[in-house]
Amino acid sequence: MMQVKNLSYHYKGCPEVLKDVSFDIAPGKFLAILGNNGVGKSTLLKCFNHILKPDSGEVLLDGNDLLQLSGREVAKQVAFVSQSIPSTQMTVHDVVMLGRRPYMKWGFTEEDHTIVHNAMHRLDVEDMRGRFVNQLSGGEKQKVMLARALAQQPQVLLLDEPTSALDIQNQYQVLKMVRDICHKDNMIAVVVIHDLNLALRFCDQFLLLKDGQVYRYGDRSILDSTALKEVYGVDARIVEIEGRHMVLVEE
């Protein structure tokens, strides 16, 4: 269980971006953090793993406060996939192997290599393990970064707008992979995402932020016409088409 309690944060010289944010999420759940630009979605995500240091609050994972652990210990429990992917001249294999750094002492072990190859196999990037990352497409790069995150063997997977630069095919492939891994491995996954239809298609839980605070939290039933109007300023409703829920914006 991951519990976020009264988390607040402000950037230097600016008002609070996050104000007493609290929620919890169980293993095996895929959570979407939603809200308008500038509301603090990515900031919240980065407060979970030492990228940013909150002003106050706790982030508990199985009762242990992640904010009080060392960076190495956090990296063994929480993996982060950024929106921007470095276009480096490293091979796919070497990039995925970086996921084992929190565990490394004197060098990589046979177990490390096994874990890395299993991660590449699950993300279907084994065949490109000798290619340089800067030669890959956007979708291929994102799958490599997910494989690196899996190689960390985390309990929590954080994703900051992972589909923003991908075409529709790769958007669906990446989010389906994350959802399937989350459910199969009983892992917590948290994604910052702008596309409500993608969130409805793949996520189990939804956190709506408004003015730096939790506006609503729960399953897809929280995304009603009132929430869409008050958070996004649009007249819209959720409709079901061929068993899929989608946002229909009124003309």
C-alpha atoms as a PDB file:
ATOM      1  CA  MET A   1       0.000   0.000   0.000  1.00  0.00           C
ATOM      2  CA  MET A   2       1.220   3.486  -0.888  1.00  0.00           C
ATOM      3  CA  GLN A   3      -0.110   6.331   1.244  1.00  0.00           C
ATOM      4  CA  VAL A   4       0.450  10.016   0.528  1.00  0.00           C
ATOM      5  CA  LYS A   5      -0.301  12.186   3.558  1.00  0.00           C
ATOM      6  CA  ASN A   6      -0.632  15.978   3.605  1.00  0.00           C
ATOM      7  CA  LEU A   7       2.002  16.572   0.926  1.00  0.00           C
ATOM      8  CA  SER A   8       2.794  20.227   0.187  1.00  0.00           C
ATOM      9  CA  TYR A   9       5.370  21.825  -2.095  1.00  0.00           C
ATOM     10  CA  HIS A  10       6.344  25.229  -3.432  1.00  0.00           C
ATOM     11  CA  TYR A  11       9.051  26.352  -5.838  1.00  0.00           C
ATOM     12  CA  LYS A  12      11.413  29.033  -4.517  1.00  0.00           C
ATOM     13  CA  GLY A  13       9.806  32.459  -4.627  1.00  0.00           C
ATOM     14  CA  CYS A  14       6.427  31.058  -5.707  1.00  0.00           C
ATOM     15  CA  PRO A  15       3.152  30.202  -3.947  1.00  0.00           C
ATOM     16  CA  GLU A  16       2.392  26.596  -3.001  1.00  0.00           C
ATOM     17  CA  VAL A  17       1.949  24.332  -6.002  1.00  0.00           C
ATOM     18  CA  LEU A  18       0.660  21.412  -3.904  1.00  0.00           C
ATOM     19  CA  LYS A  19      -1.452  21.872  -0.781  1.00  0.00           C
ATOM     20  CA  ASP A  20      -2.031  19.025   1.674  1.00  0.00           C
ATOM     21  CA  VAL A  21      -2.410  16.321  -0.988  1.00  0.00           C
ATOM     22  CA  SER A  22      -3.517  12.999   0.523  1.00  0.00           C
ATOM     23  CA  PHE A  23      -4.585   9.686  -1.034  1.00  0.00           C
ATOM     24  CA  ASP A  24      -3.667   6.007  -0.959  1.00  0.00           C
ATOM     25  CA  ILE A  25      -3.373   3.325  -3.612  1.00  0.00           C
ATOM     26  CA  ALA A  26      -3.237  -0.452  -3.336  1.00  0.00           C
ATOM     27  CA  PRO A  27      -0.837  -2.788  -5.160  1.00  0.00           C
ATOM     28  CA  GLY A  28      -1.996  -3.875  -8.595  1.00  0.00           C
ATOM     29  CA  LYS A  29      -3.687  -0.535  -9.346  1.00  0.00           C
ATOM     30  CA  PHE A  30      -2.907   1.844 -12.220  1.00  0.00           C
ATOM     31  CA  LEU A  31      -3.522   5.454 -11.175  1.00  0.00           C
ATOM     32  CA  ALA A  32      -3.897   8.456 -13.502  1.00  0.00           C
ATOM     33  CA  ILE A  33      -3.060  11.907 -12.138  1.00  0.00           C
ATOM     34  CA  LEU A  34      -5.220  14.387 -14.038  1.00  0.00           C
ATOM     35  CA  GLY A  35      -5.789  18.131 -14.188  1.00  0.00           C
ATOM     36  CA  ASN A  36      -5.034  21.270 -16.169  1.00  0.00           C
ATOM     37  CA  ASN A  37      -1.546  22.408 -17.125  1.00  0.00           C
ATOM     38  CA  GLY A  38       0.372  23.907 -14.209  1.00  0.00           C
ATOM     39  CA  VAL A  39      -1.768  22.322 -11.523  1.00  0.00           C
ATOM     40  CA  GLY A  40       1.152  20.321 -10.097  1.00  0.00           C
ATOM     41  CA  LYS A  41       0.751  16.852 -11.621  1.00  0.00           C
ATOM     42  CA  SER A  42       4.403  16.303 -12.539  1.00  0.00           C
ATOM     43  CA  THR A  43       5.522  18.089  -9.382  1.00  0.00           C
ATOM     44  CA  LEU A  44       3.509  15.631  -7.308  1.00  0.00           C
ATOM     45  CA  LEU A  45       5.071  12.682  -9.111  1.00  0.00           C
ATOM     46  CA  LYS A  46       8.591  14.016  -8.541  1.00  0.00           C
ATOM     47  CA  CYS A  47       7.921  14.409  -4.818  1.00  0.00           C
ATOM     48  CA  PHE A  48       7.574  10.630  -4.525  1.00  0.00           C
ATOM     49  CA  ASN A  49      11.175   9.711  -5.334  1.00  0.00           C
ATOM     50  CA  HIS A  50      13.528  12.492  -4.169  1.00  0.00           C
ATOM     51  CA  ILE A  51      13.611  14.453  -7.435  1.00  0.00           C
ATOM     52  CA  LEU A  52      11.879  17.203  -5.444  1.00  0.00           C
ATOM     53  CA  LYS A  53      11.795  17.550  -1.677  1.00  0.00           C
ATOM     54  CA  PRO A  54       8.304  18.353  -0.342  1.00  0.00           C
ATOM     55  CA  ASP A  55       7.850  21.145   2.188  1.00  0.00           C
ATOM     56  CA  SER A  56       5.843  18.805   4.385  1.00  0.00           C
ATOM     57  CA  GLY A  57       3.995  15.502   4.360  1.00  0.00           C
ATOM     58  CA  GLU A  58       4.765  11.802   4.052  1.00  0.00           C
ATOM     59  CA  VAL A  59       4.915   9.216   1.270  1.00  0.00           C
ATOM     60  CA  LEU A  60       4.515   5.822   2.908  1.00  0.00           C
ATOM     61  CA  LEU A  61       5.163   2.537   1.136  1.00  0.00           C
ATOM     62  CA  ASP A  62       4.156  -0.408   3.292  1.00  0.00           C
ATOM     63  CA  GLY A  63       4.448   1.921   6.275  1.00  0.00           C
ATOM     64  CA  ASN A  64       7.961   3.221   5.500  1.00  0.00           C
ATOM     65  CA  ASP A  65       8.350   6.907   4.640  1.00  0.00           C
ATOM     66  CA  LEU A  66      10.156   7.105   1.290  1.00  0.00           C
ATOM     67  CA  LEU A  67      11.117  10.705   2.019  1.00  0.00           C
ATOM     68  CA  GLN A  68      13.326   9.537   4.888  1.00  0.00           C
ATOM     69  CA  LEU A  69      15.224   6.901   2.888  1.00  0.00           C
ATOM     70  CA  SER A  70      18.459   7.317   0.941  1.00  0.00           C
ATOM     71  CA  GLY A  71      18.296   7.797  -2.816  1.00  0.00           C
ATOM     72  CA  ARG A  72      19.672   4.294  -3.368  1.00  0.00           C
ATOM     73  CA  GLU A  73      17.025   2.699  -1.160  1.00  0.00           C
ATOM     74  CA  VAL A  74      14.253   4.672  -2.861  1.00  0.00           C
ATOM     75  CA  ALA A  75      15.533   3.534  -6.274  1.00  0.00           C
ATOM     76  CA  LYS A  76      15.106  -0.088  -5.191  1.00  0.00           C
ATOM     77  CA  GLN A  77      11.412   0.538  -4.552  1.00  0.00           C
ATOM     78  CA  VAL A  78      10.393   3.299  -6.967  1.00  0.00           C
ATOM     79  CA  ALA A  79      11.228   3.607 -10.677  1.00  0.00           C
ATOM     80  CA  PHE A  80      10.676   6.800 -12.662  1.00  0.00           C
ATOM     81  CA  VAL A  81      10.140   7.118 -16.416  1.00  0.00           C
ATOM     82  CA  SER A  82      10.499  10.713 -17.574  1.00  0.00           C
ATOM     83  CA  GLN A  83       8.662  12.495 -20.355  1.00  0.00           C
ATOM     84  CA  SER A  84      11.958  13.353 -22.043  1.00  0.00           C
ATOM     85  CA  ILE A  85      14.188  10.479 -23.111  1.00  0.00           C
ATOM     86  CA  PRO A  86      17.907  11.157 -23.543  1.00  0.00           C
ATOM     87  CA  SER A  87      19.102  10.454 -27.076  1.00  0.00           C
ATOM     88  CA  THR A  88      22.325   8.826 -25.996  1.00  0.00           C
ATOM     89  CA  GLN A  89      24.816   6.731 -27.936  1.00  0.00           C
ATOM     90  CA  MET A  90      24.493   3.814 -25.547  1.00  0.00           C
ATOM     91  CA  THR A  91      23.205   0.410 -26.517  1.00  0.00           C
ATOM     92  CA  VAL A  92      19.776  -0.734 -25.448  1.00  0.00           C
ATOM     93  CA  HIS A  93      21.376  -3.425 -23.296  1.00  0.00           C
ATOM     94  CA  ASP A  94      23.568  -0.904 -21.453  1.00  0.00           C
ATOM     95  CA  VAL A  95      20.661   1.489 -20.853  1.00  0.00           C
ATOM     96  CA  VAL A  96      18.488  -1.257 -19.382  1.00  0.00           C
ATOM     97  CA  MET A  97      21.440  -2.427 -17.278  1.00  0.00           C
ATOM     98  CA  LEU A  98      21.455   1.020 -15.628  1.00  0.00           C
ATOM     99  CA  GLY A  99      18.334  -0.127 -13.820  1.00  0.00           C
ATOM    100  CA  ARG A 100      20.542  -2.420 -11.727  1.00  0.00           C
ATOM    101  CA  ARG A 101      22.744   0.415 -10.395  1.00  0.00           C
ATOM    102  CA  PRO A 102      20.928   0.672  -7.032  1.00  0.00           C
ATOM    103  CA  TYR A 103      21.903  -2.958  -6.359  1.00  0.00           C
ATOM    104  CA  MET A 104      25.439  -2.857  -7.728  1.00  0.00           C
ATOM    105  CA  LYS A 105      28.437  -3.205  -5.398  1.00  0.00           C
ATOM    106  CA  TRP A 106      31.606  -4.196  -7.262  1.00  0.00           C
ATOM    107  CA  GLY A 107      30.113  -5.017 -10.616  1.00  0.00           C
ATOM    108  CA  PHE A 108      27.187  -6.639 -12.386  1.00  0.00           C
ATOM    109  CA  THR A 109      26.355 -10.198 -11.365  1.00  0.00           C
ATOM    110  CA  GLU A 110      24.887 -13.062 -13.333  1.00  0.00           C
ATOM    111  CA  GLU A 111      21.601 -12.335 -11.551  1.00  0.00           C
ATOM    112  CA  ASP A 112      21.719  -8.739 -12.803  1.00  0.00           C
ATOM    113  CA  HIS A 113      22.140  -9.939 -16.382  1.00  0.00           C
ATOM    114  CA  THR A 114      19.229 -12.378 -15.993  1.00  0.00           C
ATOM    115  CA  ILE A 115      16.946  -9.646 -14.630  1.00  0.00           C
ATOM    116  CA  VAL A 116      17.934  -7.274 -17.439  1.00  0.00           C
ATOM    117  CA  HIS A 117      17.289  -9.835 -20.155  1.00  0.00           C
ATOM    118  CA  ASN A 118      13.934 -10.735 -18.612  1.00  0.00           C
ATOM    119  CA  ALA A 119      12.973  -7.034 -18.560  1.00  0.00           C
ATOM    120  CA  MET A 120      13.955  -6.627 -22.221  1.00  0.00           C
ATOM    121  CA  HIS A 121      11.985  -9.741 -23.122  1.00  0.00           C
ATOM    122  CA  ARG A 122       8.832  -8.477 -21.380  1.00  0.00           C
ATOM    123  CA  LEU A 123       9.009  -5.143 -23.211  1.00  0.00           C
ATOM    124  CA  ASP A 124       9.824  -6.868 -26.509  1.00  0.00           C
ATOM    125  CA  VAL A 125      13.138  -5.038 -27.019  1.00  0.00           C
ATOM    126  CA  GLU A 126      15.494  -8.035 -26.877  1.00  0.00           C
ATOM    127  CA  ASP A 127      16.071  -7.978 -30.638  1.00  0.00           C
ATOM    128  CA  MET A 128      17.380  -4.400 -30.474  1.00  0.00           C
ATOM    129  CA  ARG A 129      19.694  -4.884 -27.473  1.00  0.00           C
ATOM    130  CA  GLY A 130      22.814  -4.078 -29.538  1.00  0.00           C
ATOM    131  CA  ARG A 131      21.372  -0.958 -31.183  1.00  0.00           C
ATOM    132  CA  PHE A 132      22.148   2.565 -30.021  1.00  0.00           C
ATOM    133  CA  VAL A 133      19.277   4.363 -28.293  1.00  0.00           C
ATOM    134  CA  ASN A 134      19.688   7.449 -30.486  1.00  0.00           C
ATOM    135  CA  GLN A 135      18.850   5.283 -33.504  1.00  0.00           C
ATOM    136  CA  LEU A 136      15.455   4.218 -32.142  1.00  0.00           C
ATOM    137  CA  SER A 137      11.984   5.586 -32.759  1.00  0.00           C
ATOM    138  CA  GLY A 138      10.079   7.352 -29.995  1.00  0.00           C
ATOM    139  CA  GLY A 139       8.008   4.290 -29.209  1.00  0.00           C
ATOM    140  CA  GLU A 140      11.056   2.036 -29.107  1.00  0.00           C
ATOM    141  CA  LYS A 141      12.878   4.444 -26.778  1.00  0.00           C
ATOM    142  CA  GLN A 142       9.918   4.542 -24.403  1.00  0.00           C
ATOM    143  CA  LYS A 143       9.805   0.743 -24.243  1.00  0.00           C
ATOM    144  CA  VAL A 144      13.544   0.681 -23.488  1.00  0.00           C
ATOM    145  CA  MET A 145      13.053   3.135 -20.627  1.00  0.00           C
ATOM    146  CA  LEU A 146      10.242   0.980 -19.270  1.00  0.00           C
ATOM    147  CA  ALA A 147      12.536  -2.045 -19.458  1.00  0.00           C
ATOM    148  CA  ARG A 148      15.168  -0.115 -17.493  1.00  0.00           C
ATOM    149  CA  ALA A 149      12.532   0.748 -14.892  1.00  0.00           C
ATOM    150  CA  LEU A 150      11.486  -2.923 -14.626  1.00  0.00           C
ATOM    151  CA  ALA A 151      15.126  -3.917 -14.140  1.00  0.00           C
ATOM    152  CA  GLN A 152      15.007  -1.924 -10.880  1.00  0.00           C
ATOM    153  CA  GLN A 153      12.400  -4.432  -9.626  1.00  0.00           C
ATOM    154  CA  PRO A 154      10.324  -1.632  -8.112  1.00  0.00           C
ATOM    155  CA  GLN A 155       7.119  -1.788  -6.123  1.00  0.00           C
ATOM    156  CA  VAL A 156       6.020   1.533  -7.622  1.00  0.00           C
ATOM    157  CA  LEU A 157       6.354   2.671 -11.235  1.00  0.00           C
ATOM    158  CA  LEU A 158       6.056   6.428 -11.917  1.00  0.00           C
ATOM    159  CA  LEU A 159       5.472   7.705 -15.452  1.00  0.00           C
ATOM    160  CA  ASP A 160       5.506  11.387 -16.401  1.00  0.00           C
ATOM    161  CA  GLU A 161       3.503  11.865 -19.616  1.00  0.00           C
ATOM    162  CA  PRO A 162       5.002   8.754 -21.257  1.00  0.00           C
ATOM    163  CA  THR A 163       2.822   8.993 -24.386  1.00  0.00           C
ATOM    164  CA  SER A 164       3.076  12.724 -25.139  1.00  0.00           C
ATOM    165  CA  ALA A 165       5.464  12.290 -28.085  1.00  0.00           C
ATOM    166  CA  LEU A 166       4.119   8.975 -29.396  1.00  0.00           C
ATOM    167  CA  ASP A 167       1.776   8.127 -32.247  1.00  0.00           C
ATOM    168  CA  ILE A 168      -1.525   6.448 -31.457  1.00  0.00           C
ATOM    169  CA  GLN A 169      -0.234   2.904 -32.018  1.00  0.00           C
ATOM    170  CA  ASN A 170       2.664   3.357 -29.618  1.00  0.00           C
ATOM    171  CA  GLN A 171       0.479   5.182 -27.090  1.00  0.00           C
ATOM    172  CA  TYR A 172      -1.761   2.135 -26.863  1.00  0.00           C
ATOM    173  CA  GLN A 173       1.132  -0.338 -26.845  1.00  0.00           C
ATOM    174  CA  VAL A 174       3.034   1.437 -24.047  1.00  0.00           C
ATOM    175  CA  LEU A 175       0.016   1.959 -21.786  1.00  0.00           C
ATOM    176  CA  LYS A 176      -1.212  -1.603 -22.341  1.00  0.00           C
ATOM    177  CA  MET A 177       2.223  -2.911 -21.370  1.00  0.00           C
ATOM    178  CA  VAL A 178       2.214  -0.802 -18.199  1.00  0.00           C
ATOM    179  CA  ARG A 179      -1.314  -1.899 -17.278  1.00  0.00           C
ATOM    180  CA  ASP A 180      -0.562  -5.574 -17.861  1.00  0.00           C
ATOM    181  CA  ILE A 181       2.684  -5.423 -15.849  1.00  0.00           C
ATOM    182  CA  CYS A 182       0.930  -3.554 -13.058  1.00  0.00           C
ATOM    183  CA  HIS A 183      -1.834  -6.141 -12.790  1.00  0.00           C
ATOM    184  CA  LYS A 184       0.342  -9.236 -13.286  1.00  0.00           C
ATOM    185  CA  ASP A 185       3.152  -8.174 -10.917  1.00  0.00           C
ATOM    186  CA  ASN A 186       0.815  -6.573  -8.349  1.00  0.00           C
ATOM    187  CA  MET A 187       2.787  -3.361  -8.853  1.00  0.00           C
ATOM    188  CA  ILE A 188       1.557   0.169  -8.229  1.00  0.00           C
ATOM    189  CA  ALA A 189       1.745   2.345 -11.354  1.00  0.00           C
ATOM    190  CA  VAL A 190       1.134   6.099 -11.365  1.00  0.00           C
ATOM    191  CA  VAL A 191       0.951   8.070 -14.601  1.00  0.00           C
ATOM    192  CA  VAL A 192       0.677  11.793 -15.297  1.00  0.00           C
ATOM    193  CA  ILE A 193      -1.374  12.016 -18.463  1.00  0.00           C
ATOM    194  CA  HIS A 194      -3.358  14.664 -20.346  1.00  0.00           C
ATOM    195  CA  ASP A 195      -5.461  12.446 -22.601  1.00  0.00           C
ATOM    196  CA  LEU A 196      -8.583  11.556 -20.623  1.00  0.00           C
ATOM    197  CA  ASN A 197      -9.625   8.928 -23.139  1.00  0.00           C
ATOM    198  CA  LEU A 198      -6.321   7.074 -22.769  1.00  0.00           C
ATOM    199  CA  ALA A 199      -6.656   7.313 -18.988  1.00  0.00           C
ATOM    200  CA  LEU A 200     -10.187   5.898 -19.128  1.00  0.00           C
ATOM    201  CA  ARG A 201      -9.044   3.092 -21.418  1.00  0.00           C
ATOM    202  CA  PHE A 202      -6.124   1.846 -19.322  1.00  0.00           C
ATOM    203  CA  CYS A 203      -6.245   3.151 -15.727  1.00  0.00           C
ATOM    204  CA  ASP A 204      -8.115   1.838 -12.683  1.00  0.00           C
ATOM    205  CA  GLN A 205      -8.009   4.873 -10.385  1.00  0.00           C
ATOM    206  CA  PHE A 206      -8.126   8.611 -11.032  1.00  0.00           C
ATOM    207  CA  LEU A 207      -6.809  11.579  -9.048  1.00  0.00           C
ATOM    208  CA  LEU A 208      -8.137  14.969 -10.136  1.00  0.00           C
ATOM    209  CA  LEU A 209      -6.084  17.983  -9.039  1.00  0.00           C
ATOM    210  CA  LYS A 210      -7.505  21.508  -8.915  1.00  0.00           C
ATOM    211  CA  ASP A 211      -5.707  24.545  -7.499  1.00  0.00           C
ATOM    212  CA  GLY A 212      -2.978  22.283  -6.125  1.00  0.00           C
ATOM    213  CA  GLN A 213      -5.385  20.172  -4.094  1.00  0.00           C
ATOM    214  CA  VAL A 214      -7.193  16.871  -4.506  1.00  0.00           C
ATOM    215  CA  TYR A 215     -10.521  17.687  -6.115  1.00  0.00           C
ATOM    216  CA  ARG A 216     -11.676  14.073  -6.426  1.00  0.00           C
ATOM    217  CA  TYR A 217     -10.151  10.624  -6.112  1.00  0.00           C
ATOM    218  CA  GLY A 218     -11.573   7.221  -6.975  1.00  0.00           C
ATOM    219  CA  ASP A 219     -12.677   5.028  -9.891  1.00  0.00           C
ATOM    220  CA  ARG A 220     -13.942   6.356 -13.217  1.00  0.00           C
ATOM    221  CA  SER A 221     -17.280   7.356 -11.672  1.00  0.00           C
ATOM    222  CA  ILE A 222     -15.593  10.526 -10.342  1.00  0.00           C
ATOM    223  CA  LEU A 223     -15.198  11.778 -13.926  1.00  0.00           C
ATOM    224  CA  ASP A 224     -18.694  13.167 -14.393  1.00  0.00           C
ATOM    225  CA  SER A 225     -19.951  16.327 -16.109  1.00  0.00           C
ATOM    226  CA  THR A 226     -19.523  18.405 -12.958  1.00  0.00           C
ATOM    227  CA  ALA A 227     -15.883  17.400 -12.509  1.00  0.00           C
ATOM    228  CA  LEU A 228     -15.059  17.972 -16.177  1.00  0.00           C
ATOM    229  CA  LYS A 229     -16.620  21.444 -16.017  1.00  0.00           C
ATOM    230  CA  GLU A 230     -15.006  22.509 -12.746  1.00  0.00           C
ATOM    231  CA  VAL A 231     -11.536  21.108 -13.441  1.00  0.00           C
ATOM    232  CA  TYR A 232     -11.197  21.553 -17.214  1.00  0.00           C
ATOM    233  CA  GLY A 233     -13.782  24.254 -17.897  1.00  0.00           C
ATOM    234  CA  VAL A 234     -15.561  22.277 -20.613  1.00  0.00           C
ATOM    235  CA  ASP A 235     -19.102  21.036 -21.020  1.00  0.00           C
ATOM    236  CA  ALA A 236     -18.582  17.312 -21.461  1.00  0.00           C
ATOM    237  CA  ARG A 237     -19.794  13.927 -20.318  1.00  0.00           C
ATOM    238  CA  ILE A 238     -18.568  10.354 -20.212  1.00  0.00           C
ATOM    239  CA  VAL A 239     -20.266   8.061 -22.722  1.00  0.00           C
ATOM    240  CA  GLU A 240     -19.938   4.329 -23.338  1.00  0.00           C
ATOM    241  CA  ILE A 241     -19.307   3.216 -26.919  1.00  0.00           C
ATOM    242  CA  GLU A 242     -18.918  -0.497 -27.669  1.00  0.00           C
ATOM    243  CA  GLY A 243     -17.959  -1.148 -24.057  1.00  0.00           C
ATOM    244  CA  ARG A 244     -15.363   1.678 -23.906  1.00  0.00           C
ATOM    245  CA  HIS A 245     -15.798   4.861 -21.890  1.00  0.00           C
ATOM    246  CA  MET A 246     -14.918   8.112 -23.633  1.00  0.00           C
ATOM    247  CA  VAL A 247     -15.170  11.864 -23.061  1.00  0.00           C
ATOM    248  CA  LEU A 248     -17.705  13.574 -25.300  1.00  0.00           C
ATOM    249  CA  VAL A 249     -17.291  17.356 -25.382  1.00  0.00           C
ATOM    250  CA  GLU A 250     -20.482  19.266 -26.095  1.00  0.00           C
ATOM    251  CA  GLU A 251     -20.519  21.700 -29.038  1.00  0.00           C
END
